[in-house]
Amino acid sequence: MSKLETNQVDPSTGTTLTLGTSGDTIAIPSGVTIANSGTATGFGETNTPAFYGDMDGSQTISRGAYVKVTGMTDHEVDTNTAFDGTTFTVPSGEGGTYFLYGSIRADYELAGDDAKQARCYLYKNGSEFIQSQWQITGTYTGRYVSLNVVTLTALSAGNTIELYTLLEDNSGANARLLTGTSIGGYKLF
């Protein structure tokens, strides 16, 4: 093995400098700093697939029912054509660990401003796998409730992720979800 010591290596004008050939490993020893002042491509993860959508209107929710949230197409991000505004489906070859989040904004005006309970769920493959919950005993005279869920989870190709909610009031009326109710996530590795 030879050792080359120099302060700068430049390619011929207008060409690309190549280090090694296919199958080679370029080792960067511990303690070495790589300083980049240009554009770095092909290093690390790109955090895709990535998806996001939020509601641009409202959705009435039947009291006490577990309801899938639909119509989250405002400000939509969908890097791999895997999100339809309701369901994210992990694309083929994209299994891994994902960061996922969901958020609901509930309005109890239809229910006379007497919120009793709100739940925000992420469903994986049609079943609940994480939730946040707000609940009060007695009578509450509040109109708005916001809840979020956040998780890291392993997903495989074909797995689905959806946002569900349950809203309940003291007077037996329906409530609604508002603009800003959202779902999103991205692959970490």
N, C-alpha and C. Protein backbone atom coordinates (compact mmCIF):
# COMPACT_ATOMS: atom_id res chain seq x y z
N MET A 1 0.84 -1.17 0.00
CA MET A 1 0.00 0.00 0.00
C MET A 1 0.89 1.23 0.00
N SER A 2 0.50 2.22 -0.77
CA SER A 2 1.24 3.49 -0.86
C SER A 2 0.48 4.57 -0.13
N LYS A 3 1.21 5.59 0.24
CA LYS A 3 0.59 6.73 0.89
C LYS A 3 0.90 7.96 0.06
N LEU A 4 -0.16 8.72 -0.27
CA LEU A 4 -0.03 9.94 -1.05
C LEU A 4 -0.33 11.10 -0.13
N GLU A 5 0.57 12.05 -0.02
CA GLU A 5 0.34 13.24 0.78
C GLU A 5 0.37 14.45 -0.12
N THR A 6 -0.72 15.21 -0.10
CA THR A 6 -0.82 16.42 -0.91
C THR A 6 -1.85 17.35 -0.28
N ASN A 7 -1.86 18.61 -0.65
CA ASN A 7 -2.82 19.56 -0.10
C ASN A 7 -4.05 19.74 -0.98
N GLN A 8 -3.97 19.38 -2.25
CA GLN A 8 -5.12 19.55 -3.12
C GLN A 8 -5.02 18.63 -4.32
N VAL A 9 -6.16 18.04 -4.69
CA VAL A 9 -6.24 17.21 -5.88
C VAL A 9 -7.35 17.81 -6.75
N ASP A 10 -7.01 18.14 -7.98
CA ASP A 10 -7.98 18.70 -8.92
C ASP A 10 -8.11 17.79 -10.13
N PRO A 11 -9.34 17.65 -10.66
CA PRO A 11 -9.50 16.90 -11.91
C PRO A 11 -9.08 17.77 -13.09
N SER A 12 -8.93 17.15 -14.24
CA SER A 12 -8.69 17.93 -15.45
C SER A 12 -9.86 18.88 -15.64
N THR A 13 -9.64 19.99 -16.28
CA THR A 13 -10.69 21.00 -16.48
C THR A 13 -11.93 20.38 -17.11
N GLY A 14 -13.10 20.66 -16.46
CA GLY A 14 -14.38 20.22 -17.01
C GLY A 14 -14.69 18.75 -16.81
N THR A 15 -13.94 18.05 -15.97
CA THR A 15 -14.20 16.63 -15.74
C THR A 15 -14.53 16.38 -14.27
N THR A 16 -14.78 15.13 -13.93
CA THR A 16 -15.12 14.73 -12.57
C THR A 16 -13.95 13.98 -11.97
N LEU A 17 -13.63 14.29 -10.73
CA LEU A 17 -12.60 13.56 -10.00
C LEU A 17 -13.25 12.32 -9.39
N THR A 18 -12.73 11.14 -9.68
CA THR A 18 -13.28 9.89 -9.17
C THR A 18 -12.28 9.28 -8.22
N LEU A 19 -12.76 8.85 -7.04
CA LEU A 19 -11.92 8.15 -6.07
C LEU A 19 -12.35 6.70 -6.04
N GLY A 20 -11.48 5.79 -6.37
CA GLY A 20 -11.79 4.37 -6.34
C GLY A 20 -12.65 3.95 -7.53
N THR A 21 -12.96 2.65 -7.53
CA THR A 21 -13.82 2.08 -8.57
C THR A 21 -14.92 1.28 -7.89
N SER A 22 -15.88 0.84 -8.65
CA SER A 22 -17.00 0.10 -8.10
C SER A 22 -16.51 -1.07 -7.26
N GLY A 23 -17.04 -1.21 -6.05
CA GLY A 23 -16.64 -2.27 -5.15
C GLY A 23 -15.59 -1.85 -4.13
N ASP A 24 -14.90 -0.72 -4.37
CA ASP A 24 -13.91 -0.22 -3.42
C ASP A 24 -14.59 0.44 -2.23
N THR A 25 -13.88 0.52 -1.12
CA THR A 25 -14.35 1.25 0.05
C THR A 25 -13.37 2.37 0.31
N ILE A 26 -13.90 3.57 0.49
CA ILE A 26 -13.08 4.72 0.87
C ILE A 26 -13.30 4.92 2.36
N ALA A 27 -12.25 4.77 3.16
CA ALA A 27 -12.37 4.85 4.62
C ALA A 27 -11.99 6.25 5.10
N ILE A 28 -12.83 6.81 5.97
CA ILE A 28 -12.54 8.08 6.62
C ILE A 28 -12.31 7.74 8.09
N PRO A 29 -11.07 7.86 8.58
CA PRO A 29 -10.77 7.45 9.95
C PRO A 29 -11.49 8.29 11.00
N SER A 30 -11.67 7.73 12.18
CA SER A 30 -12.27 8.43 13.30
C SER A 30 -11.46 9.68 13.61
N GLY A 31 -12.14 10.76 13.90
CA GLY A 31 -11.47 12.01 14.25
C GLY A 31 -11.23 12.92 13.06
N VAL A 32 -11.45 12.42 11.85
CA VAL A 32 -11.26 13.23 10.64
C VAL A 32 -12.53 14.05 10.41
N THR A 33 -12.37 15.30 10.06
CA THR A 33 -13.50 16.17 9.75
C THR A 33 -13.58 16.36 8.25
N ILE A 34 -14.79 16.20 7.71
CA ILE A 34 -15.02 16.48 6.29
C ILE A 34 -15.71 17.83 6.22
N ALA A 35 -15.08 18.82 5.62
CA ALA A 35 -15.66 20.16 5.51
C ALA A 35 -16.18 20.35 4.10
N ASN A 36 -17.45 20.70 3.99
CA ASN A 36 -18.08 20.86 2.68
C ASN A 36 -18.51 22.30 2.49
N SER A 37 -18.02 22.93 1.44
CA SER A 37 -18.45 24.28 1.10
C SER A 37 -19.25 24.27 -0.19
N GLY A 38 -19.40 23.11 -0.79
CA GLY A 38 -20.12 23.00 -2.06
C GLY A 38 -21.43 22.26 -1.88
N THR A 39 -21.86 21.58 -2.90
CA THR A 39 -23.09 20.81 -2.87
C THR A 39 -22.76 19.35 -2.62
N ALA A 40 -23.38 18.77 -1.60
CA ALA A 40 -23.16 17.36 -1.28
C ALA A 40 -24.35 16.56 -1.80
N THR A 41 -24.10 15.56 -2.61
CA THR A 41 -25.18 14.69 -3.09
C THR A 41 -24.79 13.25 -2.84
N GLY A 42 -25.79 12.42 -2.58
CA GLY A 42 -25.54 11.00 -2.39
C GLY A 42 -25.02 10.62 -1.03
N PHE A 43 -25.03 11.52 -0.06
CA PHE A 43 -24.58 11.22 1.28
C PHE A 43 -25.78 11.10 2.20
N GLY A 44 -25.83 10.07 3.01
CA GLY A 44 -26.88 9.95 4.00
C GLY A 44 -28.25 9.71 3.40
N GLU A 45 -29.25 9.84 4.25
CA GLU A 45 -30.63 9.57 3.87
C GLU A 45 -31.30 10.83 3.33
N THR A 46 -32.32 10.64 2.54
CA THR A 46 -33.07 11.76 1.99
C THR A 46 -34.39 11.96 2.70
N ASN A 47 -34.68 11.12 3.68
CA ASN A 47 -35.94 11.17 4.43
C ASN A 47 -37.16 11.06 3.53
N THR A 48 -37.06 10.21 2.53
CA THR A 48 -38.21 9.90 1.69
C THR A 48 -38.41 8.40 1.73
N PRO A 49 -39.64 7.97 1.60
CA PRO A 49 -40.84 8.71 1.30
C PRO A 49 -41.21 9.68 2.43
N ALA A 50 -41.81 10.79 2.03
CA ALA A 50 -42.33 11.77 2.96
C ALA A 50 -43.74 12.14 2.51
N PHE A 51 -44.62 12.40 3.47
CA PHE A 51 -45.99 12.79 3.13
C PHE A 51 -46.54 13.74 4.18
N TYR A 52 -47.48 14.55 3.76
CA TYR A 52 -48.17 15.48 4.66
C TYR A 52 -49.44 15.97 3.97
N GLY A 53 -50.46 16.20 4.76
CA GLY A 53 -51.67 16.84 4.27
C GLY A 53 -52.48 17.36 5.43
N ASP A 54 -53.16 18.47 5.22
CA ASP A 54 -54.08 18.95 6.24
C ASP A 54 -55.41 19.32 5.61
N MET A 55 -56.42 19.42 6.45
CA MET A 55 -57.76 19.74 5.98
C MET A 55 -57.85 21.22 5.64
N ASP A 56 -58.55 21.54 4.55
CA ASP A 56 -58.75 22.94 4.22
C ASP A 56 -60.19 23.36 4.50
N GLY A 57 -60.94 22.51 5.14
CA GLY A 57 -62.33 22.80 5.51
C GLY A 57 -62.63 22.16 6.84
N SER A 58 -63.84 21.64 6.98
CA SER A 58 -64.20 20.96 8.22
C SER A 58 -64.86 19.63 7.88
N GLN A 59 -64.89 18.74 8.86
CA GLN A 59 -65.53 17.44 8.71
C GLN A 59 -66.37 17.20 9.97
N THR A 60 -67.67 17.02 9.80
CA THR A 60 -68.55 16.74 10.93
C THR A 60 -68.32 15.30 11.39
N ILE A 61 -68.21 15.14 12.69
CA ILE A 61 -67.92 13.84 13.31
C ILE A 61 -69.11 13.44 14.17
N SER A 62 -69.68 12.28 13.90
CA SER A 62 -70.78 11.76 14.71
C SER A 62 -70.32 11.52 16.14
N ARG A 63 -71.12 11.92 17.07
CA ARG A 63 -70.77 11.82 18.49
C ARG A 63 -70.45 10.38 18.88
N GLY A 64 -69.29 10.21 19.54
CA GLY A 64 -68.90 8.92 20.10
C GLY A 64 -68.49 7.86 19.10
N ALA A 65 -68.33 8.22 17.81
CA ALA A 65 -67.95 7.23 16.80
C ALA A 65 -66.46 7.36 16.46
N TYR A 66 -65.83 6.23 16.21
CA TYR A 66 -64.46 6.23 15.73
C TYR A 66 -64.53 6.51 14.23
N VAL A 67 -63.97 7.64 13.80
CA VAL A 67 -64.12 8.09 12.42
C VAL A 67 -62.76 8.32 11.78
N LYS A 68 -62.60 7.79 10.56
CA LYS A 68 -61.38 8.05 9.79
C LYS A 68 -61.45 9.46 9.23
N VAL A 69 -60.37 10.22 9.41
CA VAL A 69 -60.31 11.59 8.91
C VAL A 69 -59.97 11.53 7.42
N THR A 70 -60.72 12.28 6.63
CA THR A 70 -60.53 12.28 5.18
C THR A 70 -60.27 13.70 4.69
N GLY A 71 -59.91 13.81 3.42
CA GLY A 71 -59.79 15.12 2.78
C GLY A 71 -58.63 15.98 3.24
N MET A 72 -57.52 15.37 3.64
CA MET A 72 -56.35 16.15 4.07
C MET A 72 -55.44 16.38 2.87
N THR A 73 -55.90 17.22 1.95
CA THR A 73 -55.17 17.45 0.70
C THR A 73 -54.61 18.87 0.60
N ASP A 74 -54.88 19.72 1.59
CA ASP A 74 -54.33 21.07 1.56
C ASP A 74 -52.86 21.01 1.96
N HIS A 75 -52.03 21.78 1.31
CA HIS A 75 -50.58 21.82 1.55
C HIS A 75 -49.95 20.43 1.43
N GLU A 76 -50.49 19.62 0.56
CA GLU A 76 -50.06 18.22 0.46
C GLU A 76 -48.62 18.08 -0.03
N VAL A 77 -47.91 17.17 0.63
CA VAL A 77 -46.57 16.74 0.22
C VAL A 77 -46.66 15.23 0.04
N ASP A 78 -46.16 14.74 -1.08
CA ASP A 78 -46.23 13.30 -1.36
C ASP A 78 -45.08 12.94 -2.30
N THR A 79 -43.92 12.66 -1.73
CA THR A 79 -42.72 12.45 -2.54
C THR A 79 -42.75 11.19 -3.38
N ASN A 80 -43.54 10.19 -3.00
CA ASN A 80 -43.52 8.91 -3.69
C ASN A 80 -44.90 8.46 -4.19
N THR A 81 -45.82 9.40 -4.34
CA THR A 81 -47.18 9.08 -4.78
C THR A 81 -47.76 7.94 -3.94
N ALA A 82 -47.67 8.10 -2.61
CA ALA A 82 -48.10 7.05 -1.69
C ALA A 82 -49.17 7.54 -0.71
N PHE A 83 -49.61 8.81 -0.85
CA PHE A 83 -50.58 9.40 0.06
C PHE A 83 -51.74 9.96 -0.75
N ASP A 84 -52.96 9.58 -0.40
CA ASP A 84 -54.13 10.02 -1.17
C ASP A 84 -55.00 11.04 -0.43
N GLY A 85 -54.44 11.69 0.59
CA GLY A 85 -55.21 12.66 1.37
C GLY A 85 -55.92 12.02 2.55
N THR A 86 -55.87 10.70 2.63
CA THR A 86 -56.49 9.95 3.72
C THR A 86 -55.56 8.86 4.25
N THR A 87 -54.94 8.11 3.33
CA THR A 87 -54.13 6.95 3.69
C THR A 87 -52.75 7.05 3.07
N PHE A 88 -51.71 6.78 3.88
CA PHE A 88 -50.35 6.63 3.38
C PHE A 88 -50.06 5.14 3.30
N THR A 89 -49.58 4.68 2.14
CA THR A 89 -49.20 3.29 1.94
C THR A 89 -47.71 3.24 1.64
N VAL A 90 -46.96 2.48 2.44
CA VAL A 90 -45.51 2.39 2.26
C VAL A 90 -45.23 1.76 0.89
N PRO A 91 -44.47 2.47 0.03
CA PRO A 91 -44.17 1.95 -1.30
C PRO A 91 -43.26 0.72 -1.26
N SER A 92 -43.30 -0.04 -2.32
CA SER A 92 -42.42 -1.20 -2.47
C SER A 92 -40.96 -0.79 -2.31
N GLY A 93 -40.21 -1.55 -1.53
CA GLY A 93 -38.79 -1.28 -1.33
C GLY A 93 -38.50 -0.16 -0.34
N GLU A 94 -39.52 0.38 0.33
CA GLU A 94 -39.32 1.52 1.22
C GLU A 94 -39.62 1.21 2.68
N GLY A 95 -39.54 -0.06 3.07
CA GLY A 95 -39.68 -0.39 4.48
C GLY A 95 -38.56 0.22 5.29
N GLY A 96 -38.79 0.45 6.57
CA GLY A 96 -37.78 1.03 7.44
C GLY A 96 -38.42 1.67 8.65
N THR A 97 -37.66 2.51 9.33
CA THR A 97 -38.16 3.22 10.49
C THR A 97 -38.68 4.58 10.06
N TYR A 98 -39.91 4.89 10.46
CA TYR A 98 -40.58 6.13 10.07
C TYR A 98 -40.91 6.99 11.28
N PHE A 99 -40.82 8.31 11.09
CA PHE A 99 -41.34 9.28 12.03
C PHE A 99 -42.74 9.64 11.53
N LEU A 100 -43.76 9.50 12.39
CA LEU A 100 -45.15 9.74 12.01
C LEU A 100 -45.82 10.67 13.01
N TYR A 101 -46.74 11.48 12.53
CA TYR A 101 -47.48 12.35 13.42
C TYR A 101 -48.89 12.61 12.88
N GLY A 102 -49.79 12.90 13.79
CA GLY A 102 -51.15 13.26 13.45
C GLY A 102 -51.63 14.33 14.41
N SER A 103 -52.58 15.14 13.95
CA SER A 103 -53.07 16.24 14.76
C SER A 103 -54.54 16.48 14.44
N ILE A 104 -55.34 16.65 15.48
CA ILE A 104 -56.74 17.03 15.26
C ILE A 104 -57.01 18.37 15.94
N ARG A 105 -57.88 19.15 15.31
CA ARG A 105 -58.41 20.39 15.88
C ARG A 105 -59.92 20.24 15.91
N ALA A 106 -60.48 20.06 17.09
CA ALA A 106 -61.92 19.81 17.25
C ALA A 106 -62.65 21.07 17.68
N ASP A 107 -63.85 21.24 17.12
CA ASP A 107 -64.71 22.38 17.43
C ASP A 107 -66.05 21.82 17.93
N TYR A 108 -66.42 22.18 19.15
CA TYR A 108 -67.65 21.68 19.77
C TYR A 108 -68.79 22.69 19.72
N GLU A 109 -68.73 23.64 18.80
CA GLU A 109 -69.80 24.64 18.69
C GLU A 109 -71.14 23.96 18.39
N LEU A 110 -71.14 22.96 17.50
CA LEU A 110 -72.39 22.25 17.18
C LEU A 110 -72.97 21.56 18.40
N ALA A 111 -72.10 21.26 19.36
CA ALA A 111 -72.51 20.55 20.56
C ALA A 111 -72.79 21.50 21.72
N GLY A 112 -72.91 22.79 21.45
CA GLY A 112 -73.20 23.74 22.53
C GLY A 112 -72.00 24.06 23.39
N ASP A 113 -70.80 23.94 22.83
CA ASP A 113 -69.57 24.27 23.56
C ASP A 113 -69.42 23.47 24.85
N ASP A 114 -69.80 22.19 24.82
CA ASP A 114 -69.68 21.38 26.04
C ASP A 114 -68.87 20.11 25.79
N ALA A 115 -67.64 20.29 25.37
CA ALA A 115 -66.74 19.18 25.07
C ALA A 115 -66.57 18.28 26.28
N LYS A 116 -66.57 16.97 26.01
CA LYS A 116 -66.38 15.98 27.08
C LYS A 116 -65.12 15.16 26.84
N GLN A 117 -64.87 14.81 25.58
CA GLN A 117 -63.76 13.92 25.27
C GLN A 117 -63.32 14.11 23.82
N ALA A 118 -62.02 13.97 23.60
CA ALA A 118 -61.46 13.97 22.24
C ALA A 118 -60.31 12.99 22.21
N ARG A 119 -60.21 12.27 21.10
CA ARG A 119 -59.11 11.32 20.92
C ARG A 119 -58.54 11.47 19.52
N CYS A 120 -57.24 11.32 19.43
CA CYS A 120 -56.51 11.39 18.16
C CYS A 120 -55.73 10.08 18.03
N TYR A 121 -55.97 9.35 16.95
CA TYR A 121 -55.35 8.03 16.75
C TYR A 121 -54.57 7.99 15.44
N LEU A 122 -53.48 7.27 15.44
CA LEU A 122 -52.88 6.79 14.20
C LEU A 122 -53.20 5.31 14.12
N TYR A 123 -53.72 4.91 12.98
CA TYR A 123 -54.01 3.50 12.71
C TYR A 123 -52.94 2.97 11.77
N LYS A 124 -52.49 1.74 12.05
CA LYS A 124 -51.54 1.03 11.19
C LYS A 124 -52.24 -0.22 10.70
N ASN A 125 -52.35 -0.36 9.40
CA ASN A 125 -53.00 -1.52 8.78
C ASN A 125 -54.41 -1.73 9.33
N GLY A 126 -55.14 -0.63 9.54
CA GLY A 126 -56.54 -0.72 9.95
C GLY A 126 -56.80 -0.88 11.43
N SER A 127 -55.73 -0.86 12.24
CA SER A 127 -55.90 -1.01 13.70
C SER A 127 -55.17 0.11 14.43
N GLU A 128 -55.76 0.54 15.55
CA GLU A 128 -55.13 1.58 16.36
C GLU A 128 -53.77 1.11 16.85
N PHE A 129 -52.76 2.02 16.75
CA PHE A 129 -51.49 1.65 17.36
C PHE A 129 -50.91 2.76 18.22
N ILE A 130 -51.44 3.97 18.16
CA ILE A 130 -51.03 5.02 19.10
C ILE A 130 -52.16 6.04 19.19
N GLN A 131 -52.34 6.61 20.38
CA GLN A 131 -53.39 7.62 20.55
C GLN A 131 -53.01 8.64 21.60
N SER A 132 -53.65 9.79 21.51
CA SER A 132 -53.64 10.75 22.61
C SER A 132 -55.10 11.04 22.93
N GLN A 133 -55.35 11.39 24.18
CA GLN A 133 -56.73 11.54 24.63
C GLN A 133 -56.85 12.72 25.58
N TRP A 134 -57.95 13.44 25.44
CA TRP A 134 -58.32 14.50 26.37
C TRP A 134 -59.73 14.17 26.86
N GLN A 135 -59.93 14.26 28.17
CA GLN A 135 -61.24 13.94 28.71
C GLN A 135 -61.45 14.74 29.98
N ILE A 136 -62.71 15.14 30.20
CA ILE A 136 -63.04 15.86 31.41
C ILE A 136 -64.28 15.23 32.03
N THR A 137 -64.32 15.19 33.35
CA THR A 137 -65.52 14.70 34.02
C THR A 137 -66.34 15.90 34.45
N GLY A 138 -67.62 15.74 34.47
CA GLY A 138 -68.50 16.86 34.80
C GLY A 138 -68.80 17.67 33.55
N THR A 139 -69.23 18.90 33.73
CA THR A 139 -69.61 19.75 32.61
C THR A 139 -68.48 20.71 32.29
N TYR A 140 -68.17 20.80 31.02
CA TYR A 140 -67.11 21.68 30.54
C TYR A 140 -67.73 22.64 29.55
N THR A 141 -67.38 23.88 29.59
CA THR A 141 -67.95 24.85 28.66
C THR A 141 -66.92 25.32 27.65
N GLY A 142 -66.09 24.41 27.19
CA GLY A 142 -65.07 24.75 26.21
C GLY A 142 -65.50 24.41 24.80
N ARG A 143 -64.95 25.13 23.84
CA ARG A 143 -65.34 24.92 22.45
C ARG A 143 -64.28 24.19 21.65
N TYR A 144 -63.00 24.44 21.88
CA TYR A 144 -61.94 23.89 21.04
C TYR A 144 -61.04 22.94 21.83
N VAL A 145 -60.62 21.87 21.16
CA VAL A 145 -59.65 20.93 21.72
C VAL A 145 -58.68 20.56 20.60
N SER A 146 -57.37 20.60 20.89
CA SER A 146 -56.35 20.17 19.93
C SER A 146 -55.54 19.05 20.55
N LEU A 147 -55.29 18.00 19.76
CA LEU A 147 -54.50 16.86 20.22
C LEU A 147 -53.50 16.46 19.14
N ASN A 148 -52.37 15.91 19.57
CA ASN A 148 -51.34 15.44 18.65
C ASN A 148 -50.86 14.06 19.07
N VAL A 149 -50.42 13.27 18.09
CA VAL A 149 -49.71 12.03 18.35
C VAL A 149 -48.43 12.05 17.53
N VAL A 150 -47.37 11.51 18.11
CA VAL A 150 -46.07 11.45 17.45
C VAL A 150 -45.44 10.11 17.81
N THR A 151 -44.83 9.45 16.82
CA THR A 151 -44.20 8.17 17.11
C THR A 151 -43.11 7.85 16.09
N LEU A 152 -42.23 6.96 16.47
CA LEU A 152 -41.30 6.29 15.56
C LEU A 152 -41.74 4.85 15.49
N THR A 153 -41.81 4.29 14.30
CA THR A 153 -42.23 2.89 14.18
C THR A 153 -41.64 2.26 12.94
N ALA A 154 -41.46 0.95 12.99
CA ALA A 154 -40.99 0.20 11.82
C ALA A 154 -42.19 -0.08 10.91
N LEU A 155 -42.02 0.19 9.63
CA LEU A 155 -43.05 -0.07 8.63
C LEU A 155 -42.46 -0.92 7.52
N SER A 156 -43.29 -1.75 6.94
CA SER A 156 -42.91 -2.58 5.80
C SER A 156 -43.69 -2.14 4.57
N ALA A 157 -43.19 -2.50 3.40
CA ALA A 157 -43.89 -2.19 2.16
C ALA A 157 -45.33 -2.68 2.24
N GLY A 158 -46.27 -1.85 1.84
CA GLY A 158 -47.68 -2.20 1.87
C GLY A 158 -48.41 -1.81 3.14
N ASN A 159 -47.67 -1.51 4.24
CA ASN A 159 -48.33 -1.05 5.47
C ASN A 159 -49.05 0.27 5.20
N THR A 160 -50.18 0.48 5.90
CA THR A 160 -50.94 1.72 5.74
C THR A 160 -51.00 2.48 7.06
N ILE A 161 -51.05 3.81 6.94
CA ILE A 161 -51.17 4.70 8.09
C ILE A 161 -52.34 5.64 7.82
N GLU A 162 -53.24 5.78 8.83
CA GLU A 162 -54.41 6.64 8.71
C GLU A 162 -54.63 7.38 10.03
N LEU A 163 -55.34 8.52 9.95
CA LEU A 163 -55.68 9.31 11.11
C LEU A 163 -57.16 9.08 11.45
N TYR A 164 -57.44 8.76 12.71
CA TYR A 164 -58.80 8.58 13.19
C TYR A 164 -59.04 9.51 14.37
N THR A 165 -60.32 9.73 14.66
CA THR A 165 -60.67 10.53 15.82
C THR A 165 -61.95 10.00 16.47
N LEU A 166 -62.17 10.39 17.70
CA LEU A 166 -63.42 10.18 18.42
C LEU A 166 -63.68 11.48 19.17
N LEU A 167 -64.86 12.06 18.96
CA LEU A 167 -65.24 13.30 19.64
C LEU A 167 -66.55 13.06 20.38
N GLU A 168 -66.64 13.56 21.60
CA GLU A 168 -67.85 13.36 22.39
C GLU A 168 -68.11 14.61 23.23
N ASP A 169 -69.37 14.95 23.38
CA ASP A 169 -69.77 16.10 24.17
C ASP A 169 -70.77 15.67 25.24
N ASN A 170 -71.19 16.61 26.07
CA ASN A 170 -72.14 16.30 27.15
C ASN A 170 -73.60 16.35 26.70
N SER A 171 -73.90 17.01 25.58
CA SER A 171 -75.30 17.20 25.20
C SER A 171 -75.78 16.23 24.12
N GLY A 172 -74.94 15.35 23.63
CA GLY A 172 -75.35 14.36 22.65
C GLY A 172 -75.34 14.85 21.22
N ALA A 173 -74.70 15.97 20.95
CA ALA A 173 -74.64 16.52 19.58
C ALA A 173 -73.34 16.11 18.90
N ASN A 174 -73.23 16.40 17.61
CA ASN A 174 -72.00 16.15 16.86
C ASN A 174 -71.02 17.30 17.04
N ALA A 175 -69.76 17.04 16.74
CA ALA A 175 -68.73 18.07 16.73
C ALA A 175 -68.11 18.05 15.33
N ARG A 176 -67.08 18.84 15.12
CA ARG A 176 -66.42 18.83 13.81
C ARG A 176 -64.93 19.05 13.95
N LEU A 177 -64.21 18.56 12.95
CA LEU A 177 -62.78 18.81 12.84
C LEU A 177 -62.59 20.05 12.00
N LEU A 178 -61.55 20.82 12.29
CA LEU A 178 -61.29 22.08 11.62
C LEU A 178 -60.03 22.04 10.76
N THR A 179 -59.87 23.10 9.96
CA THR A 179 -58.65 23.33 9.20
C THR A 179 -57.44 23.17 10.11
N GLY A 180 -56.42 22.53 9.63
CA GLY A 180 -55.23 22.28 10.44
C GLY A 180 -55.17 20.87 10.98
N THR A 181 -56.29 20.14 10.95
CA THR A 181 -56.24 18.72 11.26
C THR A 181 -55.33 18.09 10.22
N SER A 182 -54.33 17.33 10.64
CA SER A 182 -53.31 16.91 9.68
C SER A 182 -52.67 15.58 10.02
N ILE A 183 -51.97 15.03 9.03
CA ILE A 183 -51.20 13.80 9.18
C ILE A 183 -49.93 13.94 8.34
N GLY A 184 -48.87 13.32 8.79
CA GLY A 184 -47.63 13.37 8.02
C GLY A 184 -46.60 12.40 8.55
N GLY A 185 -45.52 12.30 7.82
CA GLY A 185 -44.42 11.44 8.26
C GLY A 185 -43.35 11.32 7.19
N TYR A 186 -42.25 10.68 7.57
CA TYR A 186 -41.16 10.46 6.63
C TYR A 186 -40.27 9.32 7.12
N LYS A 187 -39.58 8.71 6.18
CA LYS A 187 -38.69 7.61 6.51
C LYS A 187 -37.39 8.17 7.08
N LEU A 188 -36.98 7.62 8.21
CA LEU A 188 -35.71 8.02 8.83
C LEU A 188 -34.54 7.21 8.27
N PHE A 189 -34.71 5.89 8.24
CA PHE A 189 -33.66 5.01 7.72
C PHE A 189 -34.23 3.65 7.44
